[in-house]
N, C-alpha and C. Protein backbone atom coordinates (compact mmCIF):
# COMPACT_ATOMS: atom_id res chain seq x y z
N MET A 1 -19.67 -22.26 -11.56
CA MET A 1 -21.16 -21.87 -11.36
C MET A 1 -21.22 -21.04 -13.38
N ILE A 2 -21.57 -22.21 -13.89
CA ILE A 2 -21.60 -21.56 -15.12
C ILE A 2 -23.12 -20.15 -14.74
N VAL A 3 -22.17 -19.55 -16.06
CA VAL A 3 -22.59 -18.15 -16.39
C VAL A 3 -23.12 -17.62 -17.76
N VAL A 4 -23.88 -17.92 -18.73
CA VAL A 4 -24.01 -17.19 -20.19
C VAL A 4 -24.95 -15.51 -20.17
N LYS A 5 -23.47 -14.66 -20.94
CA LYS A 5 -23.60 -12.78 -20.47
C LYS A 5 -24.19 -13.00 -22.54
N SER A 6 -24.81 -11.73 -22.51
CA SER A 6 -24.47 -11.34 -23.67
C SER A 6 -22.96 -10.50 -23.74
N PHE A 7 -22.85 -9.52 -24.83
CA PHE A 7 -21.49 -8.59 -24.52
C PHE A 7 -21.57 -7.63 -23.88
N ASP A 8 -23.21 -6.55 -23.97
CA ASP A 8 -22.92 -5.87 -22.92
C ASP A 8 -23.41 -6.49 -21.52
N GLU A 9 -23.41 -7.40 -21.26
CA GLU A 9 -23.84 -8.13 -19.96
C GLU A 9 -22.24 -7.77 -18.72
N LEU A 10 -21.17 -8.38 -19.92
CA LEU A 10 -20.27 -8.35 -19.72
C LEU A 10 -19.09 -7.42 -18.92
N SER A 11 -18.81 -7.54 -17.37
CA SER A 11 -17.79 -6.56 -16.76
C SER A 11 -16.25 -6.55 -17.81
N PRO A 12 -16.26 -4.83 -16.85
CA PRO A 12 -14.92 -4.89 -18.32
C PRO A 12 -13.68 -5.65 -17.45
N ARG A 13 -14.17 -5.81 -15.96
CA ARG A 13 -12.99 -7.10 -16.08
C ARG A 13 -13.10 -8.31 -16.09
N MET A 14 -14.95 -8.97 -16.09
CA MET A 14 -15.06 -10.00 -16.88
C MET A 14 -14.19 -9.55 -18.46
N LEU A 15 -14.44 -8.92 -18.74
CA LEU A 15 -13.97 -9.34 -20.48
C LEU A 15 -12.68 -9.16 -20.81
N TYR A 16 -11.29 -7.89 -19.86
CA TYR A 16 -10.83 -8.10 -19.72
C TYR A 16 -9.96 -9.82 -19.74
N ASN A 17 -10.14 -10.34 -18.39
CA ASN A 17 -9.97 -11.88 -18.57
C ASN A 17 -10.20 -12.39 -19.40
N ILE A 18 -11.53 -12.52 -20.00
CA ILE A 18 -11.73 -13.58 -21.23
C ILE A 18 -10.90 -13.27 -22.08
N MET A 19 -10.39 -12.41 -22.63
CA MET A 19 -9.66 -11.80 -23.50
C MET A 19 -7.99 -12.14 -23.39
N HIS A 20 -8.02 -12.14 -22.80
CA HIS A 20 -6.18 -12.93 -21.52
C HIS A 20 -6.53 -13.89 -21.53
N LEU A 21 -7.74 -15.24 -21.08
CA LEU A 21 -7.97 -16.41 -21.30
C LEU A 21 -7.58 -16.66 -22.52
N ARG A 22 -7.96 -16.15 -23.78
CA ARG A 22 -7.79 -16.75 -24.98
C ARG A 22 -6.71 -16.17 -25.25
N LEU A 23 -6.60 -15.29 -25.46
CA LEU A 23 -5.00 -14.86 -25.94
C LEU A 23 -3.69 -16.10 -25.24
N LYS A 24 -3.86 -16.24 -24.19
CA LYS A 24 -2.74 -17.35 -23.54
C LYS A 24 -2.81 -18.61 -24.12
N VAL A 25 -4.21 -19.27 -24.63
CA VAL A 25 -4.43 -20.51 -24.87
C VAL A 25 -4.55 -20.32 -26.80
N PHE A 26 -4.44 -19.52 -26.52
CA PHE A 26 -4.79 -19.31 -28.67
C PHE A 26 -3.54 -18.64 -28.92
N VAL A 27 -3.16 -18.21 -28.95
CA VAL A 27 -1.64 -16.92 -29.28
C VAL A 27 -0.21 -17.60 -28.52
N GLU A 28 -0.56 -17.18 -26.76
CA GLU A 28 0.63 -17.79 -26.32
C GLU A 28 1.17 -18.91 -26.70
N GLU A 29 0.22 -20.35 -26.14
CA GLU A 29 0.28 -21.84 -25.86
C GLU A 29 0.65 -22.49 -27.95
N GLN A 30 -1.27 -21.85 -29.06
CA GLN A 30 -0.75 -22.53 -29.73
C GLN A 30 -0.18 -21.72 -30.96
N ASN A 31 0.26 -20.78 -30.25
CA ASN A 31 1.16 -19.24 -31.33
C ASN A 31 0.33 -19.36 -33.23
N ILE A 32 -0.77 -19.67 -32.38
CA ILE A 32 -1.77 -18.55 -33.71
C ILE A 32 -1.67 -16.87 -33.75
N VAL A 33 -1.25 -16.73 -34.96
CA VAL A 33 -1.16 -15.23 -34.62
C VAL A 33 -2.59 -14.30 -35.77
N TYR A 34 -3.12 -14.04 -34.93
CA TYR A 34 -4.77 -13.52 -35.38
C TYR A 34 -5.25 -12.96 -34.79
N VAL A 35 -5.93 -11.76 -35.71
CA VAL A 35 -6.50 -11.16 -34.89
C VAL A 35 -8.25 -10.98 -34.10
N ASP A 36 -8.00 -11.94 -33.02
CA ASP A 36 -9.19 -11.81 -32.54
C ASP A 36 -10.48 -11.43 -32.19
N THR A 37 -10.41 -9.69 -31.86
CA THR A 37 -11.57 -9.30 -31.99
C THR A 37 -12.11 -8.80 -33.41
N ASP A 38 -12.95 -9.89 -33.51
CA ASP A 38 -13.97 -9.71 -35.44
C ASP A 38 -14.54 -9.20 -34.95
N TYR A 39 -15.28 -8.62 -34.25
CA TYR A 39 -16.88 -8.06 -33.75
C TYR A 39 -17.45 -8.77 -33.56
N ASP A 40 -17.45 -10.31 -33.94
CA ASP A 40 -18.75 -11.81 -33.97
C ASP A 40 -18.94 -11.48 -32.11
N ASP A 41 -18.11 -10.49 -31.24
CA ASP A 41 -18.03 -11.15 -29.82
C ASP A 41 -19.22 -10.42 -29.76
N LEU A 42 -19.68 -8.96 -30.27
CA LEU A 42 -20.58 -8.51 -30.33
C LEU A 42 -22.42 -8.59 -29.97
N GLN A 43 -21.73 -9.45 -30.98
CA GLN A 43 -23.50 -10.51 -30.93
C GLN A 43 -23.64 -11.91 -30.56
N ALA A 44 -22.78 -11.89 -29.54
CA ALA A 44 -21.82 -13.36 -29.21
C ALA A 44 -22.78 -13.16 -27.98
N ASP A 45 -23.02 -14.51 -26.94
CA ASP A 45 -23.06 -15.03 -25.70
C ASP A 45 -21.88 -15.68 -25.71
N HIS A 46 -21.68 -14.56 -23.72
CA HIS A 46 -20.82 -15.20 -23.40
C HIS A 46 -21.11 -16.27 -22.50
N VAL A 47 -20.03 -17.68 -22.65
CA VAL A 47 -20.01 -18.29 -21.37
C VAL A 47 -18.93 -19.17 -20.82
N VAL A 48 -19.09 -18.80 -19.28
CA VAL A 48 -17.95 -19.02 -18.50
C VAL A 48 -17.88 -19.39 -17.59
N ASN A 49 -17.32 -19.76 -16.73
CA ASN A 49 -17.44 -20.44 -15.39
C ASN A 49 -17.06 -19.57 -14.55
N ASP A 50 -17.48 -19.35 -13.16
CA ASP A 50 -16.92 -17.81 -12.07
C ASP A 50 -15.89 -17.55 -12.98
N ASP A 51 -14.20 -18.10 -12.42
CA ASP A 51 -13.24 -18.32 -12.27
C ASP A 51 -12.51 -17.65 -12.87
N ILE A 52 -13.19 -17.64 -14.64
CA ILE A 52 -12.77 -17.38 -16.09
C ILE A 52 -10.97 -18.61 -16.16
N VAL A 53 -11.81 -19.36 -16.35
CA VAL A 53 -10.17 -20.39 -16.41
C VAL A 53 -10.95 -21.31 -17.20
N SER A 54 -12.51 -20.75 -17.82
CA SER A 54 -12.81 -21.89 -19.18
C SER A 54 -13.79 -21.16 -19.69
N TYR A 55 -13.99 -21.06 -20.91
CA TYR A 55 -14.62 -20.15 -21.74
C TYR A 55 -15.42 -20.98 -23.65
N ALA A 56 -16.44 -20.52 -23.74
CA ALA A 56 -16.63 -19.74 -24.96
C ALA A 56 -17.76 -19.17 -25.54
N ARG A 57 -17.56 -19.19 -26.36
CA ARG A 57 -18.63 -18.19 -27.28
C ARG A 57 -19.90 -18.95 -27.90
N VAL A 58 -21.13 -18.35 -28.07
CA VAL A 58 -21.55 -18.82 -28.66
C VAL A 58 -22.45 -17.62 -29.39
N LEU A 59 -22.07 -18.33 -30.75
CA LEU A 59 -22.58 -17.61 -32.30
C LEU A 59 -24.18 -17.34 -32.63
N LYS A 60 -24.95 -16.33 -33.19
CA LYS A 60 -25.81 -16.80 -33.41
C LYS A 60 -26.81 -17.51 -34.18
N LYS A 61 -27.09 -17.75 -35.50
CA LYS A 61 -27.44 -18.44 -36.73
C LYS A 61 -27.08 -17.62 -37.42
N ASP A 62 -26.87 -17.92 -38.55
CA ASP A 62 -26.17 -16.56 -39.45
C ASP A 62 -25.71 -16.77 -39.77
N GLN A 63 -24.88 -15.87 -37.89
CA GLN A 63 -23.28 -14.98 -37.54
C GLN A 63 -22.55 -15.68 -38.22
N ARG A 64 -22.59 -17.35 -38.35
CA ARG A 64 -21.30 -17.56 -38.71
C ARG A 64 -22.12 -18.65 -39.82
N TYR A 65 -22.44 -18.88 -39.74
CA TYR A 65 -23.24 -20.99 -40.55
C TYR A 65 -24.61 -20.23 -40.70
N GLN A 66 -24.79 -20.94 -41.86
CA GLN A 66 -26.42 -20.43 -42.23
C GLN A 66 -27.07 -21.98 -41.57
N ASP A 67 -28.41 -20.99 -40.87
CA ASP A 67 -29.12 -22.11 -39.92
C ASP A 67 -28.71 -22.80 -39.42
N HIS A 68 -27.44 -23.08 -38.46
CA HIS A 68 -26.61 -23.54 -37.00
C HIS A 68 -26.36 -22.06 -36.64
N MET A 69 -26.37 -22.73 -35.37
CA MET A 69 -25.58 -21.53 -34.14
C MET A 69 -23.94 -21.97 -34.24
N SER A 70 -23.55 -21.52 -33.87
CA SER A 70 -21.90 -22.00 -33.64
C SER A 70 -21.20 -21.57 -31.98
N ILE A 71 -20.79 -22.50 -31.82
CA ILE A 71 -19.82 -22.44 -30.82
C ILE A 71 -18.08 -22.36 -31.11
N GLY A 72 -17.54 -21.36 -30.44
CA GLY A 72 -16.22 -21.20 -31.06
C GLY A 72 -15.69 -20.32 -29.76
N ARG A 73 -13.94 -20.39 -29.71
CA ARG A 73 -12.70 -19.83 -28.83
C ARG A 73 -12.94 -20.66 -27.88
N VAL A 74 -13.97 -21.86 -28.18
CA VAL A 74 -13.43 -22.70 -26.46
C VAL A 74 -12.01 -22.75 -25.73
N ALA A 75 -11.87 -22.62 -25.11
CA ALA A 75 -10.43 -22.41 -24.28
C ALA A 75 -10.32 -22.40 -22.50
N THR A 76 -9.44 -23.18 -22.69
CA THR A 76 -9.54 -23.59 -20.74
C THR A 76 -7.89 -23.36 -20.78
N HIS A 77 -7.74 -23.03 -18.93
CA HIS A 77 -6.41 -22.13 -18.68
C HIS A 77 -5.38 -23.48 -18.73
N ILE A 78 -4.17 -23.69 -19.33
CA ILE A 78 -3.74 -24.61 -19.07
C ILE A 78 -3.35 -25.13 -17.50
N THR A 79 -3.54 -24.99 -16.68
CA THR A 79 -3.52 -24.61 -15.01
C THR A 79 -4.84 -25.78 -15.10
N HIS A 80 -5.51 -25.39 -15.76
CA HIS A 80 -7.11 -26.01 -15.16
C HIS A 80 -7.56 -27.41 -16.24
N ARG A 81 -7.18 -27.95 -17.49
CA ARG A 81 -7.09 -28.88 -18.14
C ARG A 81 -7.70 -29.85 -18.24
N ASN A 82 -8.35 -30.43 -17.88
CA ASN A 82 -8.74 -31.84 -17.51
C ASN A 82 -9.46 -32.65 -16.53
N LYS A 83 -10.50 -31.14 -15.52
CA LYS A 83 -11.04 -30.88 -14.84
C LYS A 83 -12.34 -30.70 -14.66
N GLY A 84 -12.68 -30.91 -16.19
CA GLY A 84 -14.05 -31.02 -16.69
C GLY A 84 -14.88 -29.23 -16.61
N TYR A 85 -13.67 -28.69 -16.95
CA TYR A 85 -14.56 -26.98 -16.52
C TYR A 85 -15.45 -26.48 -18.53
N ALA A 86 -14.31 -27.35 -19.62
CA ALA A 86 -14.82 -26.97 -20.89
C ALA A 86 -16.55 -27.56 -20.88
N THR A 87 -16.06 -29.07 -20.67
CA THR A 87 -17.61 -30.00 -20.49
C THR A 87 -18.27 -29.54 -19.91
N GLU A 88 -18.20 -28.79 -19.03
CA GLU A 88 -19.86 -27.89 -18.12
C GLU A 88 -20.19 -26.98 -19.03
N ILE A 89 -18.98 -26.30 -19.23
CA ILE A 89 -19.88 -24.83 -20.61
C ILE A 89 -20.25 -25.89 -21.74
N LEU A 90 -20.44 -26.95 -21.88
CA LEU A 90 -20.90 -27.31 -23.60
C LEU A 90 -21.96 -27.27 -23.41
N LYS A 91 -21.79 -28.41 -22.53
CA LYS A 91 -23.13 -29.36 -21.41
C LYS A 91 -24.29 -27.91 -21.67
N THR A 92 -24.04 -26.49 -20.54
CA THR A 92 -24.74 -25.50 -20.26
C THR A 92 -25.36 -24.71 -22.13
N ILE A 93 -24.83 -24.85 -22.28
CA ILE A 93 -24.39 -24.17 -23.79
C ILE A 93 -25.71 -25.58 -24.41
N LEU A 94 -25.52 -26.68 -25.20
CA LEU A 94 -26.02 -27.77 -25.73
C LEU A 94 -27.79 -27.75 -24.98
N PHE A 95 -27.47 -27.49 -23.74
CA PHE A 95 -28.64 -27.27 -22.31
C PHE A 95 -29.42 -26.30 -23.28
N THR A 96 -29.24 -25.32 -22.55
CA THR A 96 -29.50 -23.72 -22.47
C THR A 96 -30.45 -23.29 -24.07
N TYR A 97 -29.17 -23.80 -24.67
CA TYR A 97 -30.23 -22.94 -26.04
C TYR A 97 -31.18 -24.28 -27.20
N LYS A 98 -30.90 -25.30 -26.56
CA LYS A 98 -31.56 -26.72 -27.48
C LYS A 98 -31.73 -26.56 -28.92
N GLU A 99 -30.90 -26.30 -30.02
CA GLU A 99 -30.29 -25.91 -30.78
C GLU A 99 -29.62 -26.38 -31.36
N ASN A 100 -29.07 -26.38 -33.23
CA ASN A 100 -28.31 -27.44 -34.09
C ASN A 100 -27.09 -26.55 -34.06
N PHE A 101 -26.54 -26.81 -33.94
CA PHE A 101 -24.85 -26.12 -33.72
C PHE A 101 -23.90 -26.70 -34.62
N MET A 102 -23.02 -26.04 -35.14
CA MET A 102 -21.70 -26.28 -36.32
C MET A 102 -20.76 -25.63 -36.29
N ILE A 103 -19.83 -26.16 -35.35
CA ILE A 103 -18.41 -25.71 -35.28
C ILE A 103 -17.95 -26.11 -36.15
N SER A 104 -16.39 -25.41 -35.82
CA SER A 104 -15.30 -25.19 -36.12
C SER A 104 -13.87 -26.25 -35.51
N ALA A 105 -13.91 -27.37 -35.42
CA ALA A 105 -13.11 -27.70 -34.48
C ALA A 105 -11.41 -28.35 -34.80
N GLN A 106 -10.25 -28.21 -33.89
CA GLN A 106 -9.16 -28.77 -34.25
C GLN A 106 -9.47 -30.65 -34.53
N ALA A 107 -8.81 -30.04 -35.13
CA ALA A 107 -9.57 -32.53 -35.30
C ALA A 107 -8.69 -33.06 -33.80
N TYR A 108 -7.31 -33.04 -33.69
CA TYR A 108 -7.43 -33.30 -31.97
C TYR A 108 -8.58 -33.85 -31.27
N LEU A 109 -9.15 -32.77 -31.57
CA LEU A 109 -10.35 -32.94 -30.22
C LEU A 109 -11.84 -32.88 -31.04
N ILE A 110 -11.47 -34.31 -32.43
CA ILE A 110 -12.99 -34.72 -32.99
C ILE A 110 -13.35 -35.67 -32.09
N HIS A 111 -12.56 -36.56 -30.88
CA HIS A 111 -13.98 -37.94 -30.00
C HIS A 111 -13.98 -36.91 -29.34
N TYR A 112 -13.53 -35.74 -27.97
CA TYR A 112 -14.09 -35.43 -27.34
C TYR A 112 -15.37 -34.23 -27.45
N TYR A 113 -15.12 -33.67 -28.63
CA TYR A 113 -16.89 -32.56 -29.57
C TYR A 113 -18.09 -34.49 -29.11
N GLU A 114 -17.26 -35.59 -30.41
CA GLU A 114 -18.35 -36.70 -30.65
C GLU A 114 -19.36 -37.20 -29.16
N LYS A 115 -18.37 -37.13 -27.97
CA LYS A 115 -18.93 -37.53 -26.81
C LYS A 115 -20.14 -36.68 -26.56
N PHE A 116 -20.55 -35.20 -27.31
CA PHE A 116 -21.72 -34.89 -27.09
C PHE A 116 -22.58 -34.73 -28.07
N GLY A 117 -22.34 -35.45 -28.68
CA GLY A 117 -23.06 -35.96 -30.17
C GLY A 117 -22.79 -34.92 -31.36
N PHE A 118 -22.26 -34.40 -31.73
CA PHE A 118 -21.00 -34.09 -32.63
C PHE A 118 -20.59 -35.20 -33.65
N LYS A 119 -20.90 -35.07 -35.14
CA LYS A 119 -20.16 -35.30 -35.78
C LYS A 119 -19.34 -34.72 -36.87
N VAL A 120 -18.73 -35.68 -37.51
CA VAL A 120 -17.84 -34.69 -39.00
C VAL A 120 -18.59 -34.10 -39.73
N VAL A 121 -18.75 -33.32 -40.66
CA VAL A 121 -19.27 -32.96 -41.49
C VAL A 121 -18.12 -32.33 -43.27
N SER A 122 -16.87 -32.41 -42.57
CA SER A 122 -16.24 -31.98 -44.17
C SER A 122 -14.72 -33.06 -43.90
N GLU A 123 -14.33 -32.78 -44.50
CA GLU A 123 -12.92 -33.16 -44.77
C GLU A 123 -12.02 -32.21 -43.61
N PRO A 124 -11.08 -33.18 -43.69
CA PRO A 124 -10.30 -31.71 -42.58
C PRO A 124 -9.65 -31.19 -43.34
N TYR A 125 -9.29 -29.28 -42.79
CA TYR A 125 -8.66 -28.20 -43.31
C TYR A 125 -7.88 -27.89 -42.48
N ILE A 126 -7.01 -26.51 -43.27
CA ILE A 126 -6.79 -25.83 -42.39
C ILE A 126 -6.91 -24.88 -42.45
N GLU A 127 -6.84 -24.20 -40.74
CA GLU A 127 -7.35 -22.93 -40.28
C GLU A 127 -6.69 -22.48 -39.66
N GLU A 128 -5.50 -21.36 -39.18
CA GLU A 128 -4.92 -20.77 -38.31
C GLU A 128 -3.49 -21.79 -38.51
N GLY A 129 -3.32 -22.40 -39.42
CA GLY A 129 -1.90 -23.17 -39.11
C GLY A 129 -1.96 -24.84 -38.92
N ILE A 130 -3.70 -25.16 -38.32
CA ILE A 130 -3.68 -26.01 -37.93
C ILE A 130 -5.08 -27.59 -38.04
N LEU A 131 -5.32 -28.14 -38.21
CA LEU A 131 -5.98 -29.41 -38.47
C LEU A 131 -7.42 -28.39 -38.22
N HIS A 132 -8.44 -28.52 -39.40
CA HIS A 132 -9.78 -27.89 -38.38
C HIS A 132 -11.00 -29.45 -38.92
N VAL A 133 -11.65 -30.24 -38.40
CA VAL A 133 -13.03 -30.71 -39.42
C VAL A 133 -14.36 -29.49 -38.72
N LYS A 134 -14.59 -29.76 -39.58
CA LYS A 134 -16.57 -29.25 -39.10
C LYS A 134 -17.13 -29.93 -38.77
N MET A 135 -18.03 -29.31 -37.64
CA MET A 135 -18.22 -31.25 -36.81
C MET A 135 -20.27 -30.10 -36.56
N ARG A 136 -21.15 -31.47 -37.02
CA ARG A 136 -22.10 -30.78 -36.40
C ARG A 136 -23.21 -31.52 -35.69
N TYR A 137 -24.12 -30.74 -34.66
CA TYR A 137 -24.73 -31.19 -33.32
C TYR A 137 -25.92 -30.73 -33.58
N GLU A 138 -26.53 -31.60 -33.89
CA GLU A 138 -28.53 -31.84 -34.14
C GLU A 138 -29.21 -32.20 -32.84
N THR A 139 -30.15 -31.10 -32.52
CA THR A 139 -31.17 -31.45 -31.47
C THR A 139 -31.26 -32.96 -31.61
N LYS A 140 -32.04 -32.54 -30.53
CA LYS A 140 -32.89 -34.09 -30.16
C LYS A 140 -34.30 -33.91 -29.32
N ILE A 141 -34.44 -32.61 -29.94
CA ILE A 141 -35.91 -31.95 -29.54
C ILE A 141 -36.83 -31.96 -30.65
């Protein structure tokens, strides 16, 4: 089951597990050295499955991109990849919000996001040492 919670709705244990997952994926696996606690989490919605093996956060319009919501920190534990967890989270986000989104996607995931209707709207660029592109999703409603 996928749940969507505001920061204040997260229990301390759930928040700890989310932060642990993000650190495992981004710091340990991808060797990204960054300050994960960027305060965007305080206004974001947090989308997670029951076992907290897959996660994404949703930023409101103008929080990151003007006139677009944003999806970020998409992470799935290495032992649970290729089982559809992130796909279910993304489907839940797109269905729940029915908004236009802009994301900063790791370039190797372009084809994955294109399956949901995202389109590349920038040249490749380096973010945190990893090649990224901006991608936009326009709601069909």
